[in-house]
């Protein structure tokens, strides 16, 4: 995943498309383009059998440029960086700053694509993509674009809960001094824990337990695992914050009702 900071200081987390996805999407587009080209060439050739050889060659060149340059440029411009092959594999071409491509980007990619894909049988695009961090082909390097995954699986948010055997301890524990920075790091770990290796998970969780334990009293019951302890503390802290905010909102609503009943209230 790549992080990009925009001009408005907004951090975008982007997922560049892999070399394999780009290759599959490109193959689909090339096959479709060649099929359409040869179909059109057959139709035009049969309709112009009486023309001379030079006219036939000219017509085939016009059709070749139309299907390999004009059509891809038009499609990418209208769909903001997508094509049939890209739609199938779930990727989209964007600018390097994460924005949608425009006509000039599509033109540069289309002209370069004719050279690196069709005239060199894809060898230039293959070499450029293999040795580039974002699998960029030559047209992307010239236009300042790259491909992103358009289909991203939504991550399931982990909600901390108090384990049943720790409910009594969590209710009486003093966790009010836990700093917000420590709480944020603990919640971030809980969201990422399922994707971590067992060794890294154990190391990070034990470090967090040692840090959180300095602000929690009394200590957790003996035999409590690191993840159980962190989940219990975060869940209890959330419950207490919610209860405090609920009481504050109720007091504010009650005060507003009393003010409305005063003689000078509008």
C-alpha atoms as a PDB file:
ATOM      1  CA  UNK A   1       0.000   0.000   0.000  1.00  0.00           C
ATOM      2  CA  UNK A   2       1.348   3.454  -0.944  1.00  0.00           C
ATOM      3  CA  UNK A   3       0.685   6.680   0.935  1.00  0.00           C
ATOM      4  CA  UNK A   4       0.412   9.921  -1.049  1.00  0.00           C
ATOM      5  CA  UNK A   5       0.107  13.418   0.470  1.00  0.00           C
ATOM      6  CA  UNK A   6      -2.032  15.735  -1.664  1.00  0.00           C
ATOM      7  CA  UNK A   7      -1.653  19.491  -1.986  1.00  0.00           C
ATOM      8  CA  UNK A   8      -4.296  19.918   0.722  1.00  0.00           C
ATOM      9  CA  UNK A   9      -2.156  17.836   3.149  1.00  0.00           C
ATOM     10  CA  UNK A  10      -4.555  14.888   2.946  1.00  0.00           C
ATOM     11  CA  UNK A  11      -2.918  11.459   3.187  1.00  0.00           C
ATOM     12  CA  UNK A  12      -4.270   8.967   0.653  1.00  0.00           C
ATOM     13  CA  UNK A  13      -3.674   5.250   1.152  1.00  0.00           C
ATOM     14  CA  UNK A  14      -3.483   3.730  -2.324  1.00  0.00           C
ATOM     15  CA  UNK A  15      -3.111   0.107  -3.403  1.00  0.00           C
ATOM     16  CA  UNK A  16      -1.102  -0.104  -6.641  1.00  0.00           C
ATOM     17  CA  UNK A  17      -2.072  -2.868  -9.046  1.00  0.00           C
ATOM     18  CA  UNK A  18       0.394  -5.724  -9.278  1.00  0.00           C
ATOM     19  CA  UNK A  19       2.371  -6.544 -12.392  1.00  0.00           C
ATOM     20  CA  UNK A  20       0.305  -9.708 -12.934  1.00  0.00           C
ATOM     21  CA  UNK A  21      -3.031  -7.844 -12.802  1.00  0.00           C
ATOM     22  CA  UNK A  22      -1.789  -5.230 -15.241  1.00  0.00           C
ATOM     23  CA  UNK A  23      -0.467  -7.904 -17.588  1.00  0.00           C
ATOM     24  CA  UNK A  24      -3.758  -9.829 -17.608  1.00  0.00           C
ATOM     25  CA  UNK A  25      -5.777  -6.661 -18.201  1.00  0.00           C
ATOM     26  CA  UNK A  26      -3.435  -5.619 -21.014  1.00  0.00           C
ATOM     27  CA  UNK A  27      -3.674  -9.011 -22.713  1.00  0.00           C
ATOM     28  CA  UNK A  28      -7.478  -8.825 -22.653  1.00  0.00           C
ATOM     29  CA  UNK A  29      -7.423  -5.338 -24.173  1.00  0.00           C
ATOM     30  CA  UNK A  30      -4.902  -6.311 -26.861  1.00  0.00           C
ATOM     31  CA  UNK A  31      -6.834  -9.436 -27.878  1.00  0.00           C
ATOM     32  CA  UNK A  32     -10.087  -7.465 -28.077  1.00  0.00           C
ATOM     33  CA  UNK A  33      -8.401  -4.711 -30.082  1.00  0.00           C
ATOM     34  CA  UNK A  34      -6.906  -7.145 -32.596  1.00  0.00           C
ATOM     35  CA  UNK A  35     -10.204  -8.995 -32.997  1.00  0.00           C
ATOM     36  CA  UNK A  36     -12.044  -5.751 -33.733  1.00  0.00           C
ATOM     37  CA  UNK A  37      -9.293  -4.639 -36.086  1.00  0.00           C
ATOM     38  CA  UNK A  38      -9.333  -7.804 -38.170  1.00  0.00           C
ATOM     39  CA  UNK A  39     -13.141  -7.869 -38.257  1.00  0.00           C
ATOM     40  CA  UNK A  40     -13.215  -4.261 -39.465  1.00  0.00           C
ATOM     41  CA  UNK A  41     -10.419  -4.986 -41.948  1.00  0.00           C
ATOM     42  CA  UNK A  42     -12.354  -7.921 -43.365  1.00  0.00           C
ATOM     43  CA  UNK A  43     -15.559  -5.899 -43.703  1.00  0.00           C
ATOM     44  CA  UNK A  44     -13.836  -2.907 -45.297  1.00  0.00           C
ATOM     45  CA  UNK A  45     -11.723  -5.127 -47.551  1.00  0.00           C
ATOM     46  CA  UNK A  46     -14.722  -7.012 -48.894  1.00  0.00           C
ATOM     47  CA  UNK A  47     -16.546  -3.742 -49.513  1.00  0.00           C
ATOM     48  CA  UNK A  48     -13.601  -2.239 -51.406  1.00  0.00           C
ATOM     49  CA  UNK A  49     -12.363  -5.127 -53.533  1.00  0.00           C
ATOM     50  CA  UNK A  50     -12.132  -2.890 -56.563  1.00  0.00           C
ATOM     51  CA  UNK A  51      -9.611  -0.508 -54.997  1.00  0.00           C
ATOM     52  CA  UNK A  52      -5.920  -0.653 -55.801  1.00  0.00           C
ATOM     53  CA  UNK A  53      -3.186  -1.962 -53.498  1.00  0.00           C
ATOM     54  CA  UNK A  54      -2.029   1.434 -52.196  1.00  0.00           C
ATOM     55  CA  UNK A  55      -5.570   2.383 -51.178  1.00  0.00           C
ATOM     56  CA  UNK A  56      -6.012  -0.938 -49.396  1.00  0.00           C
ATOM     57  CA  UNK A  57      -2.757  -0.450 -47.485  1.00  0.00           C
ATOM     58  CA  UNK A  58      -3.813   3.076 -46.518  1.00  0.00           C
ATOM     59  CA  UNK A  59      -7.179   1.847 -45.268  1.00  0.00           C
ATOM     60  CA  UNK A  60      -5.552  -0.893 -43.189  1.00  0.00           C
ATOM     61  CA  UNK A  61      -3.183   1.656 -41.616  1.00  0.00           C
ATOM     62  CA  UNK A  62      -6.054   3.986 -40.793  1.00  0.00           C
ATOM     63  CA  UNK A  63      -7.958   1.141 -39.154  1.00  0.00           C
ATOM     64  CA  UNK A  64      -4.851   0.067 -37.242  1.00  0.00           C
ATOM     65  CA  UNK A  65      -4.310   3.543 -35.818  1.00  0.00           C
ATOM     66  CA  UNK A  66      -8.011   3.882 -35.076  1.00  0.00           C
ATOM     67  CA  UNK A  67      -8.242   0.677 -33.020  1.00  0.00           C
ATOM     68  CA  UNK A  68      -4.820   0.784 -31.335  1.00  0.00           C
ATOM     69  CA  UNK A  69      -4.611   4.498 -30.501  1.00  0.00           C
ATOM     70  CA  UNK A  70      -7.847   6.437 -30.965  1.00  0.00           C
ATOM     71  CA  UNK A  71     -10.181   3.877 -29.389  1.00  0.00           C
ATOM     72  CA  UNK A  72      -8.036   3.284 -26.252  1.00  0.00           C
ATOM     73  CA  UNK A  73      -7.538   7.033 -25.752  1.00  0.00           C
ATOM     74  CA  UNK A  74     -11.262   7.695 -26.093  1.00  0.00           C
ATOM     75  CA  UNK A  75     -12.251   4.856 -23.777  1.00  0.00           C
ATOM     76  CA  UNK A  76      -9.757   5.816 -21.037  1.00  0.00           C
ATOM     77  CA  UNK A  77     -10.805   9.471 -21.243  1.00  0.00           C
ATOM     78  CA  UNK A  78     -14.543   8.753 -20.996  1.00  0.00           C
ATOM     79  CA  UNK A  79     -14.207   6.111 -18.263  1.00  0.00           C
ATOM     80  CA  UNK A  80     -11.537   7.975 -16.272  1.00  0.00           C
ATOM     81  CA  UNK A  81      -8.795   5.406 -16.696  1.00  0.00           C
ATOM     82  CA  UNK A  82     -10.645   2.176 -17.300  1.00  0.00           C
ATOM     83  CA  UNK A  83     -11.010  -0.248 -20.189  1.00  0.00           C
ATOM     84  CA  UNK A  84     -12.663  -3.616 -20.622  1.00  0.00           C
ATOM     85  CA  UNK A  85      -9.545  -5.496 -19.531  1.00  0.00           C
ATOM     86  CA  UNK A  86      -9.042  -3.219 -16.541  1.00  0.00           C
ATOM     87  CA  UNK A  87     -12.680  -3.566 -15.522  1.00  0.00           C
ATOM     88  CA  UNK A  88     -12.416  -7.363 -15.631  1.00  0.00           C
ATOM     89  CA  UNK A  89      -9.323  -7.522 -13.403  1.00  0.00           C
ATOM     90  CA  UNK A  90     -10.500  -4.618 -11.215  1.00  0.00           C
ATOM     91  CA  UNK A  91      -7.905  -1.898 -11.797  1.00  0.00           C
ATOM     92  CA  UNK A  92      -7.993   1.739 -12.873  1.00  0.00           C
ATOM     93  CA  UNK A  93      -5.353   4.139 -14.215  1.00  0.00           C
ATOM     94  CA  UNK A  94      -4.930   7.329 -12.153  1.00  0.00           C
ATOM     95  CA  UNK A  95      -2.465  10.191 -11.942  1.00  0.00           C
ATOM     96  CA  UNK A  96       0.519   9.838  -9.625  1.00  0.00           C
ATOM     97  CA  UNK A  97      -1.228  12.149  -7.136  1.00  0.00           C
ATOM     98  CA  UNK A  98      -4.249   9.820  -7.031  1.00  0.00           C
ATOM     99  CA  UNK A  99      -6.553  11.963  -9.198  1.00  0.00           C
ATOM    100  CA  UNK A 100      -8.466  10.885 -12.294  1.00  0.00           C
ATOM    101  CA  UNK A 101      -6.580  11.018 -15.592  1.00  0.00           C
ATOM    102  CA  UNK A 102      -7.483  13.528 -18.284  1.00  0.00           C
ATOM    103  CA  UNK A 103      -7.357  13.564 -22.070  1.00  0.00           C
ATOM    104  CA  UNK A 104      -3.673  14.500 -22.238  1.00  0.00           C
ATOM    105  CA  UNK A 105      -2.716  11.591 -19.997  1.00  0.00           C
ATOM    106  CA  UNK A 106      -4.726   9.193 -22.145  1.00  0.00           C
ATOM    107  CA  UNK A 107      -3.140  10.574 -25.340  1.00  0.00           C
ATOM    108  CA  UNK A 108       0.398  10.122 -24.012  1.00  0.00           C
ATOM    109  CA  UNK A 109      -0.400   6.601 -22.834  1.00  0.00           C
ATOM    110  CA  UNK A 110      -2.072   5.749 -26.138  1.00  0.00           C
ATOM    111  CA  UNK A 111       0.783   6.989 -28.334  1.00  0.00           C
ATOM    112  CA  UNK A 112       3.405   5.326 -26.160  1.00  0.00           C
ATOM    113  CA  UNK A 113       1.318   2.160 -26.028  1.00  0.00           C
ATOM    114  CA  UNK A 114       1.348   1.841 -29.811  1.00  0.00           C
ATOM    115  CA  UNK A 115       5.159   1.738 -29.664  1.00  0.00           C
ATOM    116  CA  UNK A 116       5.754  -0.370 -26.543  1.00  0.00           C
ATOM    117  CA  UNK A 117       2.857  -2.824 -26.963  1.00  0.00           C
ATOM    118  CA  UNK A 118       2.168  -3.310 -30.668  1.00  0.00           C
ATOM    119  CA  UNK A 119       5.387  -2.334 -32.470  1.00  0.00           C
ATOM    120  CA  UNK A 120       7.636  -4.193 -29.987  1.00  0.00           C
ATOM    121  CA  UNK A 121       5.180  -7.032 -29.242  1.00  0.00           C
ATOM    122  CA  UNK A 122       4.889  -5.858 -25.645  1.00  0.00           C
ATOM    123  CA  UNK A 123       8.572  -6.346 -24.806  1.00  0.00           C
ATOM    124  CA  UNK A 124       9.161  -2.709 -23.801  1.00  0.00           C
ATOM    125  CA  UNK A 125       6.043  -2.639 -21.613  1.00  0.00           C
ATOM    126  CA  UNK A 126       7.074  -5.951 -20.045  1.00  0.00           C
ATOM    127  CA  UNK A 127      10.572  -4.779 -19.168  1.00  0.00           C
ATOM    128  CA  UNK A 128       9.391  -1.415 -17.854  1.00  0.00           C
ATOM    129  CA  UNK A 129       6.733  -3.015 -15.663  1.00  0.00           C
ATOM    130  CA  UNK A 130       9.052  -5.660 -14.232  1.00  0.00           C
ATOM    131  CA  UNK A 131      11.618  -3.134 -13.042  1.00  0.00           C
ATOM    132  CA  UNK A 132       9.214  -0.529 -11.671  1.00  0.00           C
ATOM    133  CA  UNK A 133       7.840  -0.386  -8.122  1.00  0.00           C
ATOM    134  CA  UNK A 134       4.275   0.307  -9.312  1.00  0.00           C
ATOM    135  CA  UNK A 135       4.463  -1.883 -12.426  1.00  0.00           C
ATOM    136  CA  UNK A 136       4.418   1.193 -14.654  1.00  0.00           C
ATOM    137  CA  UNK A 137       4.879   0.802 -18.372  1.00  0.00           C
ATOM    138  CA  UNK A 138       6.645   3.378 -20.522  1.00  0.00           C
ATOM    139  CA  UNK A 139       3.430   5.316 -21.182  1.00  0.00           C
ATOM    140  CA  UNK A 140       2.797   5.640 -17.441  1.00  0.00           C
ATOM    141  CA  UNK A 141       6.291   6.997 -16.841  1.00  0.00           C
ATOM    142  CA  UNK A 142       5.802   9.595 -19.565  1.00  0.00           C
ATOM    143  CA  UNK A 143       2.263  10.584 -18.524  1.00  0.00           C
ATOM    144  CA  UNK A 144       2.801  10.492 -14.772  1.00  0.00           C
ATOM    145  CA  UNK A 145       0.190   7.799 -14.142  1.00  0.00           C
ATOM    146  CA  UNK A 146      -0.080   4.355 -12.590  1.00  0.00           C
ATOM    147  CA  UNK A 147      -2.734   1.696 -12.006  1.00  0.00           C
ATOM    148  CA  UNK A 148      -4.614   1.135  -8.746  1.00  0.00           C
ATOM    149  CA  UNK A 149      -6.742  -1.715  -7.523  1.00  0.00           C
ATOM    150  CA  UNK A 150     -10.341  -0.686  -8.089  1.00  0.00           C
ATOM    151  CA  UNK A 151     -11.764  -3.533  -6.002  1.00  0.00           C
ATOM    152  CA  UNK A 152     -10.542  -3.430  -2.431  1.00  0.00           C
ATOM    153  CA  UNK A 153     -11.966  -5.767   0.169  1.00  0.00           C
ATOM    154  CA  UNK A 154     -13.439  -3.752   2.995  1.00  0.00           C
ATOM    155  CA  UNK A 155     -11.662  -4.454   6.251  1.00  0.00           C
ATOM    156  CA  UNK A 156     -13.818  -5.666   9.111  1.00  0.00           C
ATOM    157  CA  UNK A 157     -13.470  -3.312  12.058  1.00  0.00           C
ATOM    158  CA  UNK A 158     -12.474  -5.089  15.252  1.00  0.00           C
ATOM    159  CA  UNK A 159     -14.598  -4.008  18.233  1.00  0.00           C
ATOM    160  CA  UNK A 160     -12.922  -4.780  21.582  1.00  0.00           C
ATOM    161  CA  UNK A 161     -14.972  -6.783  24.079  1.00  0.00           C
ATOM    162  CA  UNK A 162     -14.416  -7.743  27.692  1.00  0.00           C
ATOM    163  CA  UNK A 163     -13.810 -11.503  28.014  1.00  0.00           C
ATOM    164  CA  UNK A 164     -16.438 -13.072  30.321  1.00  0.00           C
ATOM    165  CA  UNK A 165     -13.925 -14.106  32.975  1.00  0.00           C
ATOM    166  CA  UNK A 166     -12.518 -10.563  33.196  1.00  0.00           C
ATOM    167  CA  UNK A 167     -15.808  -8.661  33.529  1.00  0.00           C
ATOM    168  CA  UNK A 168     -15.638  -8.416  37.303  1.00  0.00           C
ATOM    169  CA  UNK A 169     -12.056  -7.178  37.255  1.00  0.00           C
ATOM    170  CA  UNK A 170     -12.707  -4.705  34.398  1.00  0.00           C
ATOM    171  CA  UNK A 171     -15.673  -3.164  36.211  1.00  0.00           C
ATOM    172  CA  UNK A 172     -13.613  -2.302  39.315  1.00  0.00           C
ATOM    173  CA  UNK A 173     -10.293  -1.507  37.570  1.00  0.00           C
ATOM    174  CA  UNK A 174      -8.990   2.063  37.486  1.00  0.00           C
ATOM    175  CA  UNK A 175      -8.175   2.897  33.850  1.00  0.00           C
ATOM    176  CA  UNK A 176      -8.968   6.614  33.867  1.00  0.00           C
ATOM    177  CA  UNK A 177      -5.311   7.676  33.599  1.00  0.00           C
ATOM    178  CA  UNK A 178      -4.678   5.791  30.327  1.00  0.00           C
ATOM    179  CA  UNK A 179      -3.277   8.366  27.830  1.00  0.00           C
ATOM    180  CA  UNK A 180      -5.046   8.810  24.513  1.00  0.00           C
ATOM    181  CA  UNK A 181      -1.821   8.113  22.576  1.00  0.00           C
ATOM    182  CA  UNK A 182      -1.425   4.721  24.250  1.00  0.00           C
ATOM    183  CA  UNK A 183      -5.090   3.962  23.633  1.00  0.00           C
ATOM    184  CA  UNK A 184      -4.744   4.762  19.917  1.00  0.00           C
ATOM    185  CA  UNK A 185      -1.697   2.527  19.556  1.00  0.00           C
ATOM    186  CA  UNK A 186      -3.512  -0.309  21.292  1.00  0.00           C
ATOM    187  CA  UNK A 187      -6.573   0.015  19.066  1.00  0.00           C
ATOM    188  CA  UNK A 188      -4.355   0.147  15.976  1.00  0.00           C
ATOM    189  CA  UNK A 189      -2.663  -3.074  17.066  1.00  0.00           C
ATOM    190  CA  UNK A 190      -6.027  -4.783  17.581  1.00  0.00           C
ATOM    191  CA  UNK A 191      -7.076  -3.882  14.036  1.00  0.00           C
ATOM    192  CA  UNK A 192      -3.837  -5.267  12.553  1.00  0.00           C
ATOM    193  CA  UNK A 193      -3.283  -8.264  14.845  1.00  0.00           C
ATOM    194  CA  UNK A 194      -5.030 -10.819  12.614  1.00  0.00           C
ATOM    195  CA  UNK A 195      -2.632 -10.050   9.743  1.00  0.00           C
ATOM    196  CA  UNK A 196       0.545 -10.203  11.837  1.00  0.00           C
ATOM    197  CA  UNK A 197       2.840 -13.187  12.229  1.00  0.00           C
ATOM    198  CA  UNK A 198       2.602 -14.991  15.589  1.00  0.00           C
ATOM    199  CA  UNK A 199       6.083 -13.779  16.595  1.00  0.00           C
ATOM    200  CA  UNK A 200       5.361 -10.133  15.752  1.00  0.00           C
ATOM    201  CA  UNK A 201       1.933 -10.305  17.368  1.00  0.00           C
ATOM    202  CA  UNK A 202       3.366 -11.651  20.618  1.00  0.00           C
ATOM    203  CA  UNK A 203       6.159  -9.080  20.675  1.00  0.00           C
ATOM    204  CA  UNK A 204       3.912  -6.074  20.027  1.00  0.00           C
ATOM    205  CA  UNK A 205       1.154  -7.232  22.381  1.00  0.00           C
ATOM    206  CA  UNK A 206       3.541  -7.823  25.292  1.00  0.00           C
ATOM    207  CA  UNK A 207       5.103  -4.388  24.768  1.00  0.00           C
ATOM    208  CA  UNK A 208       1.659  -2.786  24.797  1.00  0.00           C
ATOM    209  CA  UNK A 209       0.648  -4.739  27.918  1.00  0.00           C
ATOM    210  CA  UNK A 210       3.741  -3.482  29.734  1.00  0.00           C
ATOM    211  CA  UNK A 211       2.891   0.108  28.728  1.00  0.00           C
ATOM    212  CA  UNK A 212      -0.843  -0.079  29.454  1.00  0.00           C
ATOM    213  CA  UNK A 213      -0.318  -1.840  32.791  1.00  0.00           C
ATOM    214  CA  UNK A 214       1.378   1.274  34.190  1.00  0.00           C
ATOM    215  CA  UNK A 215      -1.976   3.093  34.047  1.00  0.00           C
ATOM    216  CA  UNK A 216      -4.270   0.245  35.172  1.00  0.00           C
ATOM    217  CA  UNK A 217      -4.868  -0.869  38.748  1.00  0.00           C
ATOM    218  CA  UNK A 218      -5.233  -3.458  40.131  1.00  0.00           C
ATOM    219  CA  UNK A 219      -3.339  -5.862  37.902  1.00  0.00           C
ATOM    220  CA  UNK A 220      -5.267  -8.324  35.757  1.00  0.00           C
ATOM    221  CA  UNK A 221      -5.919 -11.803  37.170  1.00  0.00           C
ATOM    222  CA  UNK A 222      -3.081 -14.259  36.827  1.00  0.00           C
ATOM    223  CA  UNK A 223      -3.109 -16.185  33.563  1.00  0.00           C
ATOM    224  CA  UNK A 224      -4.648 -13.349  31.518  1.00  0.00           C
ATOM    225  CA  UNK A 225      -3.271 -13.322  27.979  1.00  0.00           C
ATOM    226  CA  UNK A 226      -1.975 -10.114  26.355  1.00  0.00           C
ATOM    227  CA  UNK A 227      -4.822  -9.870  23.844  1.00  0.00           C
ATOM    228  CA  UNK A 228      -7.425 -10.563  26.539  1.00  0.00           C
ATOM    229  CA  UNK A 229      -5.991  -7.849  28.752  1.00  0.00           C
ATOM    230  CA  UNK A 230      -5.829  -5.237  25.983  1.00  0.00           C
ATOM    231  CA  UNK A 231      -9.328  -6.060  24.741  1.00  0.00           C
ATOM    232  CA  UNK A 232     -10.786  -5.819  28.256  1.00  0.00           C
ATOM    233  CA  UNK A 233      -9.132  -2.458  28.951  1.00  0.00           C
ATOM    234  CA  UNK A 234     -10.157  -0.919  25.628  1.00  0.00           C
ATOM    235  CA  UNK A 235     -13.732  -2.207  25.860  1.00  0.00           C
ATOM    236  CA  UNK A 236     -14.164  -0.939  29.440  1.00  0.00           C
ATOM    237  CA  UNK A 237     -12.659   2.421  28.536  1.00  0.00           C
ATOM    238  CA  UNK A 238     -15.071   2.739  25.628  1.00  0.00           C
ATOM    239  CA  UNK A 239     -18.041   1.829  27.841  1.00  0.00           C
ATOM    240  CA  UNK A 240     -17.077   4.388  30.467  1.00  0.00           C
ATOM    241  CA  UNK A 241     -16.535   7.117  27.888  1.00  0.00           C
ATOM    242  CA  UNK A 242     -19.923   6.339  26.360  1.00  0.00           C
ATOM    243  CA  UNK A 243     -21.625   6.448  29.760  1.00  0.00           C
ATOM    244  CA  UNK A 244     -19.970   9.772  30.611  1.00  0.00           C
ATOM    245  CA  UNK A 245     -20.964  11.341  27.298  1.00  0.00           C
ATOM    246  CA  UNK A 246     -24.525  10.030  27.654  1.00  0.00           C
ATOM    247  CA  UNK A 247     -24.853  11.600  31.120  1.00  0.00           C
ATOM    248  CA  UNK A 248     -23.379  14.863  29.850  1.00  0.00           C
ATOM    249  CA  UNK A 249     -25.864  14.956  26.951  1.00  0.00           C
ATOM    250  CA  UNK A 250     -28.760  14.246  29.360  1.00  0.00           C
ATOM    251  CA  UNK A 251     -27.673  17.085  31.668  1.00  0.00           C
ATOM    252  CA  UNK A 252     -27.397  19.452  28.715  1.00  0.00           C
ATOM    253  CA  UNK A 253     -30.868  18.483  27.479  1.00  0.00           C
ATOM    254  CA  UNK A 254     -32.344  18.953  30.983  1.00  0.00           C
ATOM    255  CA  UNK A 255     -30.703  22.366  31.318  1.00  0.00           C
ATOM    256  CA  UNK A 256     -32.037  23.396  27.909  1.00  0.00           C
ATOM    257  CA  UNK A 257     -35.572  22.460  28.980  1.00  0.00           C
ATOM    258  CA  UNK A 258     -35.261  24.573  32.164  1.00  0.00           C
ATOM    259  CA  UNK A 259     -33.981  27.551  30.175  1.00  0.00           C
ATOM    260  CA  UNK A 260     -36.896  27.301  27.749  1.00  0.00           C
ATOM    261  CA  UNK A 261     -39.334  27.519  30.668  1.00  0.00           C
ATOM    262  CA  UNK A 262     -37.850  30.753  32.024  1.00  0.00           C
ATOM    263  CA  UNK A 263     -39.956  33.920  31.565  1.00  0.00           C
ATOM    264  CA  UNK A 264     -37.367  35.639  29.385  1.00  0.00           C
ATOM    265  CA  UNK A 265     -36.772  32.678  27.086  1.00  0.00           C
ATOM    266  CA  UNK A 266     -37.731  33.216  23.437  1.00  0.00           C
END
